[in-house]
């Protein structure tokens, strides 16, 4: 039976990052853009844990723990901004962001 190596985790990380990047570039809904950014961040986390496991060093896993903590705070701030934007403009699409001065 084959074991799962670092390259397998990196393939998954690259696929997750690619899907997240396409979501950021192609989507206009800001909620989906934030979700795609989180997907990209999780892809980096997968790569960090894979390298940490491969080198038998827990530094990468500890770093991922702190990244996830900061990401939780970032999501709450991002969603609060989206709720405020929706209350003001009745829309969460990125093309309505150009009119935020009024």
PDB file of N, CA and C in Angstrom:
ATOM      1  N   UNK A   1       0.829  -1.182   0.000  1.00  0.00           N
ATOM      2  CA  UNK A   1       0.000   0.000   0.000  1.00  0.00           C
ATOM      3  C   UNK A   1       0.874   1.246   0.000  1.00  0.00           C
ATOM      4  N   UNK A   2       0.513   2.229  -0.784  1.00  0.00           N
ATOM      5  CA  UNK A   2       1.290   3.449  -0.874  1.00  0.00           C
ATOM      6  C   UNK A   2       0.940   4.390   0.270  1.00  0.00           C
ATOM      7  N   UNK A   3       1.950   5.118   0.702  1.00  0.00           N
ATOM      8  CA  UNK A   3       1.711   6.121   1.733  1.00  0.00           C
ATOM      9  C   UNK A   3       1.518   7.484   1.076  1.00  0.00           C
ATOM     10  N   UNK A   4       0.856   8.341   1.797  1.00  0.00           N
ATOM     11  CA  UNK A   4       0.611   9.681   1.278  1.00  0.00           C
ATOM     12  C   UNK A   4       1.835  10.535   1.597  1.00  0.00           C
ATOM     13  N   UNK A   5       2.426  11.095   0.549  1.00  0.00           N
ATOM     14  CA  UNK A   5       3.635  11.884   0.713  1.00  0.00           C
ATOM     15  C   UNK A   5       3.334  13.380   0.704  1.00  0.00           C
ATOM     16  N   UNK A   6       4.399  14.131   0.839  1.00  0.00           N
ATOM     17  CA  UNK A   6       4.269  15.591   0.853  1.00  0.00           C
ATOM     18  C   UNK A   6       3.740  16.095  -0.482  1.00  0.00           C
ATOM     19  N   UNK A   7       4.160  15.481  -1.566  1.00  0.00           N
ATOM     20  CA  UNK A   7       3.723  15.945  -2.883  1.00  0.00           C
ATOM     21  C   UNK A   7       2.208  15.812  -3.057  1.00  0.00           C
ATOM     22  N   UNK A   8       1.606  14.823  -2.432  1.00  0.00           N
ATOM     23  CA  UNK A   8       0.152  14.671  -2.512  1.00  0.00           C
ATOM     24  C   UNK A   8      -0.557  15.822  -1.787  1.00  0.00           C
ATOM     25  N   UNK A   9      -0.029  16.180  -0.625  1.00  0.00           N
ATOM     26  CA  UNK A   9      -0.599  17.314   0.103  1.00  0.00           C
ATOM     27  C   UNK A   9      -0.396  18.616  -0.670  1.00  0.00           C
ATOM     28  N   UNK A  10       0.740  18.741  -1.322  1.00  0.00           N
ATOM     29  CA  UNK A  10       0.996  19.960  -2.098  1.00  0.00           C
ATOM     30  C   UNK A  10       0.093  20.053  -3.321  1.00  0.00           C
ATOM     31  N   UNK A  11      -0.225  18.920  -3.918  1.00  0.00           N
ATOM     32  CA  UNK A  11      -1.175  18.930  -5.049  1.00  0.00           C
ATOM     33  C   UNK A  11      -2.542  19.413  -4.577  1.00  0.00           C
ATOM     34  N   UNK A  12      -2.974  18.916  -3.419  1.00  0.00           N
ATOM     35  CA  UNK A  12      -4.255  19.362  -2.859  1.00  0.00           C
ATOM     36  C   UNK A  12      -4.202  20.852  -2.532  1.00  0.00           C
ATOM     37  N   UNK A  13      -3.081  21.303  -1.972  1.00  0.00           N
ATOM     38  CA  UNK A  13      -2.939  22.717  -1.632  1.00  0.00           C
ATOM     39  C   UNK A  13      -2.966  23.590  -2.881  1.00  0.00           C
ATOM     40  N   UNK A  14      -2.298  23.154  -3.939  1.00  0.00           N
ATOM     41  CA  UNK A  14      -2.297  23.928  -5.189  1.00  0.00           C
ATOM     42  C   UNK A  14      -3.689  23.972  -5.795  1.00  0.00           C
ATOM     43  N   UNK A  15      -4.409  22.857  -5.755  1.00  0.00           N
ATOM     44  CA  UNK A  15      -5.778  22.845  -6.288  1.00  0.00           C
ATOM     45  C   UNK A  15      -6.693  23.768  -5.484  1.00  0.00           C
ATOM     46  N   UNK A  16      -6.589  23.715  -4.155  1.00  0.00           N
ATOM     47  CA  UNK A  16      -7.398  24.606  -3.315  1.00  0.00           C
ATOM     48  C   UNK A  16      -7.063  26.068  -3.579  1.00  0.00           C
ATOM     49  N   UNK A  17      -5.775  26.365  -3.682  1.00  0.00           N
ATOM     50  CA  UNK A  17      -5.362  27.746  -3.931  1.00  0.00           C
ATOM     51  C   UNK A  17      -5.846  28.217  -5.293  1.00  0.00           C
ATOM     52  N   UNK A  18      -5.791  27.342  -6.293  1.00  0.00           N
ATOM     53  CA  UNK A  18      -6.244  27.713  -7.638  1.00  0.00           C
ATOM     54  C   UNK A  18      -7.741  27.994  -7.682  1.00  0.00           C
ATOM     55  N   UNK A  19      -8.511  27.156  -7.012  1.00  0.00           N
ATOM     56  CA  UNK A  19      -9.962  27.369  -6.959  1.00  0.00           C
ATOM     57  C   UNK A  19     -10.272  28.673  -6.224  1.00  0.00           C
ATOM     58  N   UNK A  20      -9.554  28.934  -5.139  1.00  0.00           N
ATOM     59  CA  UNK A  20      -9.745  30.176  -4.400  1.00  0.00           C
ATOM     60  C   UNK A  20      -9.357  31.387  -5.223  1.00  0.00           C
ATOM     61  N   UNK A  21      -8.247  31.291  -5.952  1.00  0.00           N
ATOM     62  CA  UNK A  21      -7.813  32.409  -6.790  1.00  0.00           C
ATOM     63  C   UNK A  21      -8.814  32.698  -7.899  1.00  0.00           C
ATOM     64  N   UNK A  22      -9.316  31.652  -8.526  1.00  0.00           N
ATOM     65  CA  UNK A  22     -10.336  31.848  -9.566  1.00  0.00           C
ATOM     66  C   UNK A  22     -11.600  32.465  -8.975  1.00  0.00           C
ATOM     67  N   UNK A  23     -11.954  32.077  -7.766  1.00  0.00           N
ATOM     68  CA  UNK A  23     -13.114  32.670  -7.114  1.00  0.00           C
ATOM     69  C   UNK A  23     -12.925  34.149  -6.834  1.00  0.00           C
ATOM     70  N   UNK A  24     -11.723  34.539  -6.431  1.00  0.00           N
ATOM     71  CA  UNK A  24     -11.450  35.961  -6.171  1.00  0.00           C
ATOM     72  C   UNK A  24     -11.483  36.757  -7.461  1.00  0.00           C
ATOM     73  N   UNK A  25     -10.915  36.205  -8.518  1.00  0.00           N
ATOM     74  CA  UNK A  25     -10.807  36.938  -9.777  1.00  0.00           C
ATOM     75  C   UNK A  25     -12.135  37.003 -10.520  1.00  0.00           C
ATOM     76  N   UNK A  26     -12.909  35.927 -10.503  1.00  0.00           N
ATOM     77  CA  UNK A  26     -14.093  35.844 -11.358  1.00  0.00           C
ATOM     78  C   UNK A  26     -15.397  36.261 -10.687  1.00  0.00           C
ATOM     79  N   UNK A  27     -15.472  36.229  -9.387  1.00  0.00           N
ATOM     80  CA  UNK A  27     -16.738  36.514  -8.704  1.00  0.00           C
ATOM     81  C   UNK A  27     -16.909  37.998  -8.443  1.00  0.00           C
ATOM     82  N   UNK A  28     -18.160  38.440  -8.438  1.00  0.00           N
ATOM     83  CA  UNK A  28     -18.474  39.825  -8.116  1.00  0.00           C
ATOM     84  C   UNK A  28     -19.143  39.956  -6.756  1.00  0.00           C
ATOM     85  N   UNK A  29     -19.673  38.878  -6.243  1.00  0.00           N
ATOM     86  CA  UNK A  29     -20.304  38.895  -4.934  1.00  0.00           C
ATOM     87  C   UNK A  29     -19.213  38.898  -3.866  1.00  0.00           C
ATOM     88  N   UNK A  30     -19.231  39.896  -3.001  1.00  0.00           N
ATOM     89  CA  UNK A  30     -18.157  40.036  -2.024  1.00  0.00           C
ATOM     90  C   UNK A  30     -18.131  38.902  -1.004  1.00  0.00           C
ATOM     91  N   UNK A  31     -19.264  38.313  -0.708  1.00  0.00           N
ATOM     92  CA  UNK A  31     -19.291  37.174   0.213  1.00  0.00           C
ATOM     93  C   UNK A  31     -18.537  35.990  -0.392  1.00  0.00           C
ATOM     94  N   UNK A  32     -18.735  35.744  -1.672  1.00  0.00           N
ATOM     95  CA  UNK A  32     -18.015  34.660  -2.340  1.00  0.00           C
ATOM     96  C   UNK A  32     -16.536  34.977  -2.482  1.00  0.00           C
ATOM     97  N   UNK A  33     -16.192  36.246  -2.636  1.00  0.00           N
ATOM     98  CA  UNK A  33     -14.793  36.639  -2.691  1.00  0.00           C
ATOM     99  C   UNK A  33     -14.121  36.371  -1.341  1.00  0.00           C
ATOM    100  N   UNK A  34     -14.799  36.706  -0.250  1.00  0.00           N
ATOM    101  CA  UNK A  34     -14.245  36.423   1.079  1.00  0.00           C
ATOM    102  C   UNK A  34     -14.100  34.921   1.318  1.00  0.00           C
ATOM    103  N   UNK A  35     -15.064  34.148   0.854  1.00  0.00           N
ATOM    104  CA  UNK A  35     -14.967  32.695   0.995  1.00  0.00           C
ATOM    105  C   UNK A  35     -13.802  32.152   0.175  1.00  0.00           C
ATOM    106  N   UNK A  36     -13.572  32.725  -0.993  1.00  0.00           N
ATOM    107  CA  UNK A  36     -12.453  32.291  -1.826  1.00  0.00           C
ATOM    108  C   UNK A  36     -11.115  32.657  -1.188  1.00  0.00           C
ATOM    109  N   UNK A  37     -11.051  33.812  -0.550  1.00  0.00           N
ATOM    110  CA  UNK A  37      -9.835  34.194   0.170  1.00  0.00           C
ATOM    111  C   UNK A  37      -9.544  33.223   1.307  1.00  0.00           C
ATOM    112  N   UNK A  38     -10.589  32.807   2.002  1.00  0.00           N
ATOM    113  CA  UNK A  38     -10.410  31.825   3.074  1.00  0.00           C
ATOM    114  C   UNK A  38      -9.945  30.479   2.516  1.00  0.00           C
ATOM    115  N   UNK A  39     -10.429  30.123   1.336  1.00  0.00           N
ATOM    116  CA  UNK A  39      -9.988  28.890   0.699  1.00  0.00           C
ATOM    117  C   UNK A  39      -8.502  28.958   0.361  1.00  0.00           C
ATOM    118  N   UNK A  40      -8.064  30.117  -0.116  1.00  0.00           N
ATOM    119  CA  UNK A  40      -6.640  30.304  -0.403  1.00  0.00           C
ATOM    120  C   UNK A  40      -5.806  30.213   0.880  1.00  0.00           C
ATOM    121  N   UNK A  41      -6.307  30.801   1.945  1.00  0.00           N
ATOM    122  CA  UNK A  41      -5.601  30.750   3.222  1.00  0.00           C
ATOM    123  C   UNK A  41      -5.520  29.315   3.741  1.00  0.00           C
ATOM    124  N   UNK A  42      -6.571  28.554   3.574  1.00  0.00           N
ATOM    125  CA  UNK A  42      -6.555  27.154   3.999  1.00  0.00           C
ATOM    126  C   UNK A  42      -5.608  26.311   3.145  1.00  0.00           C
ATOM    127  N   UNK A  43      -5.454  26.667   1.882  1.00  0.00           N
ATOM    128  CA  UNK A  43      -4.488  25.963   1.037  1.00  0.00           C
ATOM    129  C   UNK A  43      -3.072  26.181   1.549  1.00  0.00           C
ATOM    130  N   UNK A  44      -2.769  27.390   1.966  1.00  0.00           N
ATOM    131  CA  UNK A  44      -1.456  27.667   2.551  1.00  0.00           C
ATOM    132  C   UNK A  44      -1.289  26.898   3.858  1.00  0.00           C
ATOM    133  N   UNK A  45      -2.357  26.800   4.630  1.00  0.00           N
ATOM    134  CA  UNK A  45      -2.296  26.033   5.879  1.00  0.00           C
ATOM    135  C   UNK A  45      -2.007  24.558   5.617  1.00  0.00           C
ATOM    136  N   UNK A  46      -2.621  24.001   4.592  1.00  0.00           N
ATOM    137  CA  UNK A  46      -2.373  22.595   4.248  1.00  0.00           C
ATOM    138  C   UNK A  46      -0.908  22.401   3.872  1.00  0.00           C
ATOM    139  N   UNK A  47      -0.356  23.321   3.103  1.00  0.00           N
ATOM    140  CA  UNK A  47       1.053  23.215   2.714  1.00  0.00           C
ATOM    141  C   UNK A  47       1.965  23.336   3.930  1.00  0.00           C
ATOM    142  N   UNK A  48       1.652  24.264   4.833  1.00  0.00           N
ATOM    143  CA  UNK A  48       2.475  24.411   6.038  1.00  0.00           C
ATOM    144  C   UNK A  48       2.451  23.163   6.910  1.00  0.00           C
ATOM    145  N   UNK A  49       1.279  22.576   7.080  1.00  0.00           N
ATOM    146  CA  UNK A  49       1.179  21.362   7.890  1.00  0.00           C
ATOM    147  C   UNK A  49       1.901  20.199   7.198  1.00  0.00           C
ATOM    148  N   UNK A  50       1.819  20.136   5.878  1.00  0.00           N
ATOM    149  CA  UNK A  50       2.511  19.065   5.154  1.00  0.00           C
ATOM    150  C   UNK A  50       4.020  19.178   5.335  1.00  0.00           C
ATOM    151  N   UNK A  51       4.556  20.386   5.203  1.00  0.00           N
ATOM    152  CA  UNK A  51       5.992  20.560   5.399  1.00  0.00           C
ATOM    153  C   UNK A  51       6.389  20.333   6.855  1.00  0.00           C
ATOM    154  N   UNK A  52       5.532  20.736   7.767  1.00  0.00           N
ATOM    155  CA  UNK A  52       5.804  20.515   9.183  1.00  0.00           C
ATOM    156  C   UNK A  52       5.845  19.032   9.504  1.00  0.00           C
ATOM    157  N   UNK A  53       4.918  18.295   8.947  1.00  0.00           N
ATOM    158  CA  UNK A  53       4.876  16.849   9.186  1.00  0.00           C
ATOM    159  C   UNK A  53       6.058  16.150   8.523  1.00  0.00           C
ATOM    160  N   UNK A  54       6.419  16.619   7.343  1.00  0.00           N
ATOM    161  CA  UNK A  54       7.524  15.993   6.618  1.00  0.00           C
ATOM    162  C   UNK A  54       8.853  16.197   7.340  1.00  0.00           C
ATOM    163  N   UNK A  55       9.041  17.378   7.911  1.00  0.00           N
ATOM    164  CA  UNK A  55      10.309  17.656   8.594  1.00  0.00           C
ATOM    165  C   UNK A  55      10.292  17.260  10.071  1.00  0.00           C
ATOM    166  N   UNK A  56       9.182  16.700  10.530  1.00  0.00           N
ATOM    167  CA  UNK A  56       9.021  16.281  11.934  1.00  0.00           C
ATOM    168  C   UNK A  56       9.291  17.433  12.894  1.00  0.00           C
ATOM    169  N   UNK A  57       8.816  18.618  12.505  1.00  0.00           N
ATOM    170  CA  UNK A  57       8.977  19.822  13.310  1.00  0.00           C
ATOM    171  C   UNK A  57       7.592  20.422  13.512  1.00  0.00           C
ATOM    172  N   UNK A  58       7.246  20.774  14.722  1.00  0.00           N
ATOM    173  CA  UNK A  58       5.900  21.264  15.018  1.00  0.00           C
ATOM    174  C   UNK A  58       5.739  22.766  14.811  1.00  0.00           C
ATOM    175  N   UNK A  59       6.778  23.444  14.367  1.00  0.00           N
ATOM    176  CA  UNK A  59       6.697  24.892  14.188  1.00  0.00           C
ATOM    177  C   UNK A  59       5.642  25.281  13.155  1.00  0.00           C
ATOM    178  N   UNK A  60       5.569  24.551  12.052  1.00  0.00           N
ATOM    179  CA  UNK A  60       4.576  24.862  11.022  1.00  0.00           C
ATOM    180  C   UNK A  60       3.154  24.661  11.514  1.00  0.00           C
ATOM    181  N   UNK A  61       2.928  23.617  12.274  1.00  0.00           N
ATOM    182  CA  UNK A  61       1.591  23.356  12.821  1.00  0.00           C
ATOM    183  C   UNK A  61       1.192  24.412  13.838  1.00  0.00           C
ATOM    184  N   UNK A  62       2.140  24.862  14.616  1.00  0.00           N
ATOM    185  CA  UNK A  62       1.858  25.932  15.573  1.00  0.00           C
ATOM    186  C   UNK A  62       1.541  27.235  14.850  1.00  0.00           C
ATOM    187  N   UNK A  63       2.271  27.496  13.778  1.00  0.00           N
ATOM    188  CA  UNK A  63       2.020  28.690  12.974  1.00  0.00           C
ATOM    189  C   UNK A  63       0.628  28.640  12.355  1.00  0.00           C
ATOM    190  N   UNK A  64       0.209  27.453  11.903  1.00  0.00           N
ATOM    191  CA  UNK A  64      -1.132  27.283  11.338  1.00  0.00           C
ATOM    192  C   UNK A  64      -2.197  27.570  12.385  1.00  0.00           C
ATOM    193  N   UNK A  65      -1.951  27.166  13.623  1.00  0.00           N
ATOM    194  CA  UNK A  65      -2.906  27.449  14.694  1.00  0.00           C
ATOM    195  C   UNK A  65      -3.120  28.955  14.852  1.00  0.00           C
ATOM    196  N   UNK A  66      -2.039  29.717  14.833  1.00  0.00           N
ATOM    197  CA  UNK A  66      -2.166  31.171  14.960  1.00  0.00           C
ATOM    198  C   UNK A  66      -2.804  31.795  13.717  1.00  0.00           C
ATOM    199  N   UNK A  67      -2.526  31.250  12.544  1.00  0.00           N
ATOM    200  CA  UNK A  67      -3.160  31.738  11.312  1.00  0.00           C
ATOM    201  C   UNK A  67      -4.663  31.530  11.381  1.00  0.00           C
ATOM    202  N   UNK A  68      -5.097  30.379  11.862  1.00  0.00           N
ATOM    203  CA  UNK A  68      -6.528  30.108  11.956  1.00  0.00           C
ATOM    204  C   UNK A  68      -7.202  31.024  12.968  1.00  0.00           C
ATOM    205  N   UNK A  69      -6.497  31.363  14.038  1.00  0.00           N
ATOM    206  CA  UNK A  69      -7.050  32.283  15.034  1.00  0.00           C
ATOM    207  C   UNK A  69      -7.246  33.669  14.434  1.00  0.00           C
ATOM    208  N   UNK A  70      -6.254  34.150  13.712  1.00  0.00           N
ATOM    209  CA  UNK A  70      -6.358  35.460  13.073  1.00  0.00           C
ATOM    210  C   UNK A  70      -7.415  35.429  11.965  1.00  0.00           C
ATOM    211  N   UNK A  71      -7.519  34.319  11.251  1.00  0.00           N
ATOM    212  CA  UNK A  71      -8.511  34.206  10.176  1.00  0.00           C
ATOM    213  C   UNK A  71      -9.927  34.262  10.725  1.00  0.00           C
ATOM    214  N   UNK A  72     -10.159  33.713  11.900  1.00  0.00           N
ATOM    215  CA  UNK A  72     -11.491  33.780  12.505  1.00  0.00           C
ATOM    216  C   UNK A  72     -11.863  35.230  12.809  1.00  0.00           C
ATOM    217  N   UNK A  73     -10.914  35.989  13.316  1.00  0.00           N
ATOM    218  CA  UNK A  73     -11.175  37.404  13.576  1.00  0.00           C
ATOM    219  C   UNK A  73     -11.380  38.167  12.274  1.00  0.00           C
ATOM    220  N   UNK A  74     -10.612  37.821  11.264  1.00  0.00           N
ATOM    221  CA  UNK A  74     -10.741  38.490   9.966  1.00  0.00           C
ATOM    222  C   UNK A  74     -12.102  38.222   9.331  1.00  0.00           C
ATOM    223  N   UNK A  75     -12.591  37.015   9.470  1.00  0.00           N
ATOM    224  CA  UNK A  75     -13.903  36.684   8.912  1.00  0.00           C
ATOM    225  C   UNK A  75     -14.997  37.486   9.607  1.00  0.00           C
ATOM    226  N   UNK A  76     -14.905  37.624  10.917  1.00  0.00           N
ATOM    227  CA  UNK A  76     -15.944  38.385  11.628  1.00  0.00           C
ATOM    228  C   UNK A  76     -15.924  39.860  11.226  1.00  0.00           C
ATOM    229  N   UNK A  77     -14.753  40.427  11.045  1.00  0.00           N
ATOM    230  CA  UNK A  77     -14.671  41.828  10.593  1.00  0.00           C
ATOM    231  C   UNK A  77     -15.177  41.958   9.160  1.00  0.00           C
ATOM    232  N   UNK A  78     -14.798  41.019   8.300  1.00  0.00           N
ATOM    233  CA  UNK A  78     -15.256  41.064   6.911  1.00  0.00           C
ATOM    234  C   UNK A  78     -16.767  40.932   6.790  1.00  0.00           C
ATOM    235  N   UNK A  79     -17.350  40.032   7.570  1.00  0.00           N
ATOM    236  CA  UNK A  79     -18.807  39.884   7.526  1.00  0.00           C
ATOM    237  C   UNK A  79     -19.516  41.106   8.105  1.00  0.00           C
ATOM    238  N   UNK A  80     -18.928  41.723   9.123  1.00  0.00           N
ATOM    239  CA  UNK A  80     -19.516  42.956   9.664  1.00  0.00           C
ATOM    240  C   UNK A  80     -19.489  44.066   8.621  1.00  0.00           C
ATOM    241  N   UNK A  81     -18.405  44.160   7.876  1.00  0.00           N
ATOM    242  CA  UNK A  81     -18.340  45.154   6.798  1.00  0.00           C
ATOM    243  C   UNK A  81     -19.359  44.863   5.702  1.00  0.00           C
ATOM    244  N   UNK A  82     -19.544  43.582   5.385  1.00  0.00           N
ATOM    245  CA  UNK A  82     -20.542  43.223   4.376  1.00  0.00           C
ATOM    246  C   UNK A  82     -21.957  43.557   4.836  1.00  0.00           C
ATOM    247  N   UNK A  83     -22.249  43.323   6.100  1.00  0.00           N
ATOM    248  CA  UNK A  83     -23.574  43.659   6.626  1.00  0.00           C
ATOM    249  C   UNK A  83     -23.786  45.169   6.582  1.00  0.00           C
ATOM    250  N   UNK A  84     -22.761  45.938   6.935  1.00  0.00           N
ATOM    251  CA  UNK A  84     -22.869  47.399   6.878  1.00  0.00           C
ATOM    252  C   UNK A  84     -23.046  47.877   5.444  1.00  0.00           C
ATOM    253  N   UNK A  85     -22.325  47.253   4.502  1.00  0.00           N
ATOM    254  CA  UNK A  85     -22.479  47.613   3.088  1.00  0.00           C
ATOM    255  C   UNK A  85     -23.872  47.270   2.593  1.00  0.00           C
ATOM    256  N   UNK A  86     -24.389  46.125   3.001  1.00  0.00           N
ATOM    257  CA  UNK A  86     -25.727  45.732   2.564  1.00  0.00           C
ATOM    258  C   UNK A  86     -26.795  46.668   3.125  1.00  0.00           C
ATOM    259  N   UNK A  87     -26.632  47.092   4.372  1.00  0.00           N
ATOM    260  CA  UNK A  87     -27.597  48.031   4.955  1.00  0.00           C
ATOM    261  C   UNK A  87     -27.570  49.366   4.230  1.00  0.00           C
ATOM    262  N   UNK A  88     -26.386  49.779   3.801  1.00  0.00           N
ATOM    263  CA  UNK A  88     -26.238  51.084   3.141  1.00  0.00           C
ATOM    264  C   UNK A  88     -26.684  51.040   1.683  1.00  0.00           C
ATOM    265  N   UNK A  89     -26.278  50.008   0.945  1.00  0.00           N
ATOM    266  CA  UNK A  89     -26.495  49.954  -0.508  1.00  0.00           C
ATOM    267  C   UNK A  89     -27.505  48.906  -0.968  1.00  0.00           C
ATOM    268  N   UNK A  90     -27.961  48.040  -0.087  1.00  0.00           N
ATOM    269  CA  UNK A  90     -28.875  46.938  -0.429  1.00  0.00           C
ATOM    270  C   UNK A  90     -28.277  46.005  -1.481  1.00  0.00           C
ATOM    271  N   UNK A  91     -26.951  45.884  -1.470  1.00  0.00           N
ATOM    272  CA  UNK A  91     -26.260  45.009  -2.406  1.00  0.00           C
ATOM    273  C   UNK A  91     -24.894  44.636  -1.832  1.00  0.00           C
ATOM    274  N   UNK A  92     -24.392  43.475  -2.220  1.00  0.00           N
ATOM    275  CA  UNK A  92     -23.054  43.062  -1.812  1.00  0.00           C
ATOM    276  C   UNK A  92     -22.169  42.763  -3.025  1.00  0.00           C
ATOM    277  N   UNK A  93     -22.451  43.405  -4.139  1.00  0.00           N
ATOM    278  CA  UNK A  93     -21.653  43.195  -5.337  1.00  0.00           C
ATOM    279  C   UNK A  93     -20.518  44.203  -5.404  1.00  0.00           C
ATOM    280  N   UNK A  94     -19.387  43.776  -5.956  1.00  0.00           N
ATOM    281  CA  UNK A  94     -18.184  44.588  -5.919  1.00  0.00           C
ATOM    282  C   UNK A  94     -18.291  45.851  -6.763  1.00  0.00           C
ATOM    283  N   UNK A  95     -19.124  45.869  -7.789  1.00  0.00           N
ATOM    284  CA  UNK A  95     -19.220  47.075  -8.621  1.00  0.00           C
ATOM    285  C   UNK A  95     -19.914  48.222  -7.892  1.00  0.00           C
ATOM    286  N   UNK A  96     -20.600  47.927  -6.787  1.00  0.00           N
ATOM    287  CA  UNK A  96     -21.243  48.991  -6.003  1.00  0.00           C
ATOM    288  C   UNK A  96     -20.297  49.613  -4.997  1.00  0.00           C
ATOM    289  N   UNK A  97     -19.073  49.130  -4.910  1.00  0.00           N
ATOM    290  CA  UNK A  97     -18.101  49.688  -3.987  1.00  0.00           C
ATOM    291  C   UNK A  97     -17.564  51.042  -4.453  1.00  0.00           C
ATOM    292  N   UNK A  98     -17.710  51.372  -5.706  1.00  0.00           N
ATOM    293  CA  UNK A  98     -17.194  52.649  -6.209  1.00  0.00           C
ATOM    294  C   UNK A  98     -18.001  53.819  -5.695  1.00  0.00           C
ATOM    295  N   UNK A  99     -19.163  53.571  -5.151  1.00  0.00           N
ATOM    296  CA  UNK A  99     -20.031  54.643  -4.695  1.00  0.00           C
ATOM    297  C   UNK A  99     -20.049  54.767  -3.173  1.00  0.00           C
ATOM    298  N   UNK A 100     -18.997  54.357  -2.491  1.00  0.00           N
ATOM    299  CA  UNK A 100     -18.967  54.371  -1.042  1.00  0.00           C
ATOM    300  C   UNK A 100     -18.751  55.764  -0.447  1.00  0.00           C
ATOM    301  N   UNK A 101     -18.388  56.751  -1.267  1.00  0.00           N
ATOM    302  CA  UNK A 101     -18.119  58.074  -0.737  1.00  0.00           C
ATOM    303  C   UNK A 101     -19.389  58.754  -0.269  1.00  0.00           C
ATOM    304  N   UNK A 102     -20.531  58.449  -0.823  1.00  0.00           N
ATOM    305  CA  UNK A 102     -21.803  59.106  -0.457  1.00  0.00           C
ATOM    306  C   UNK A 102     -22.440  58.448   0.726  1.00  0.00           C
TER     307      UNK A 102
END
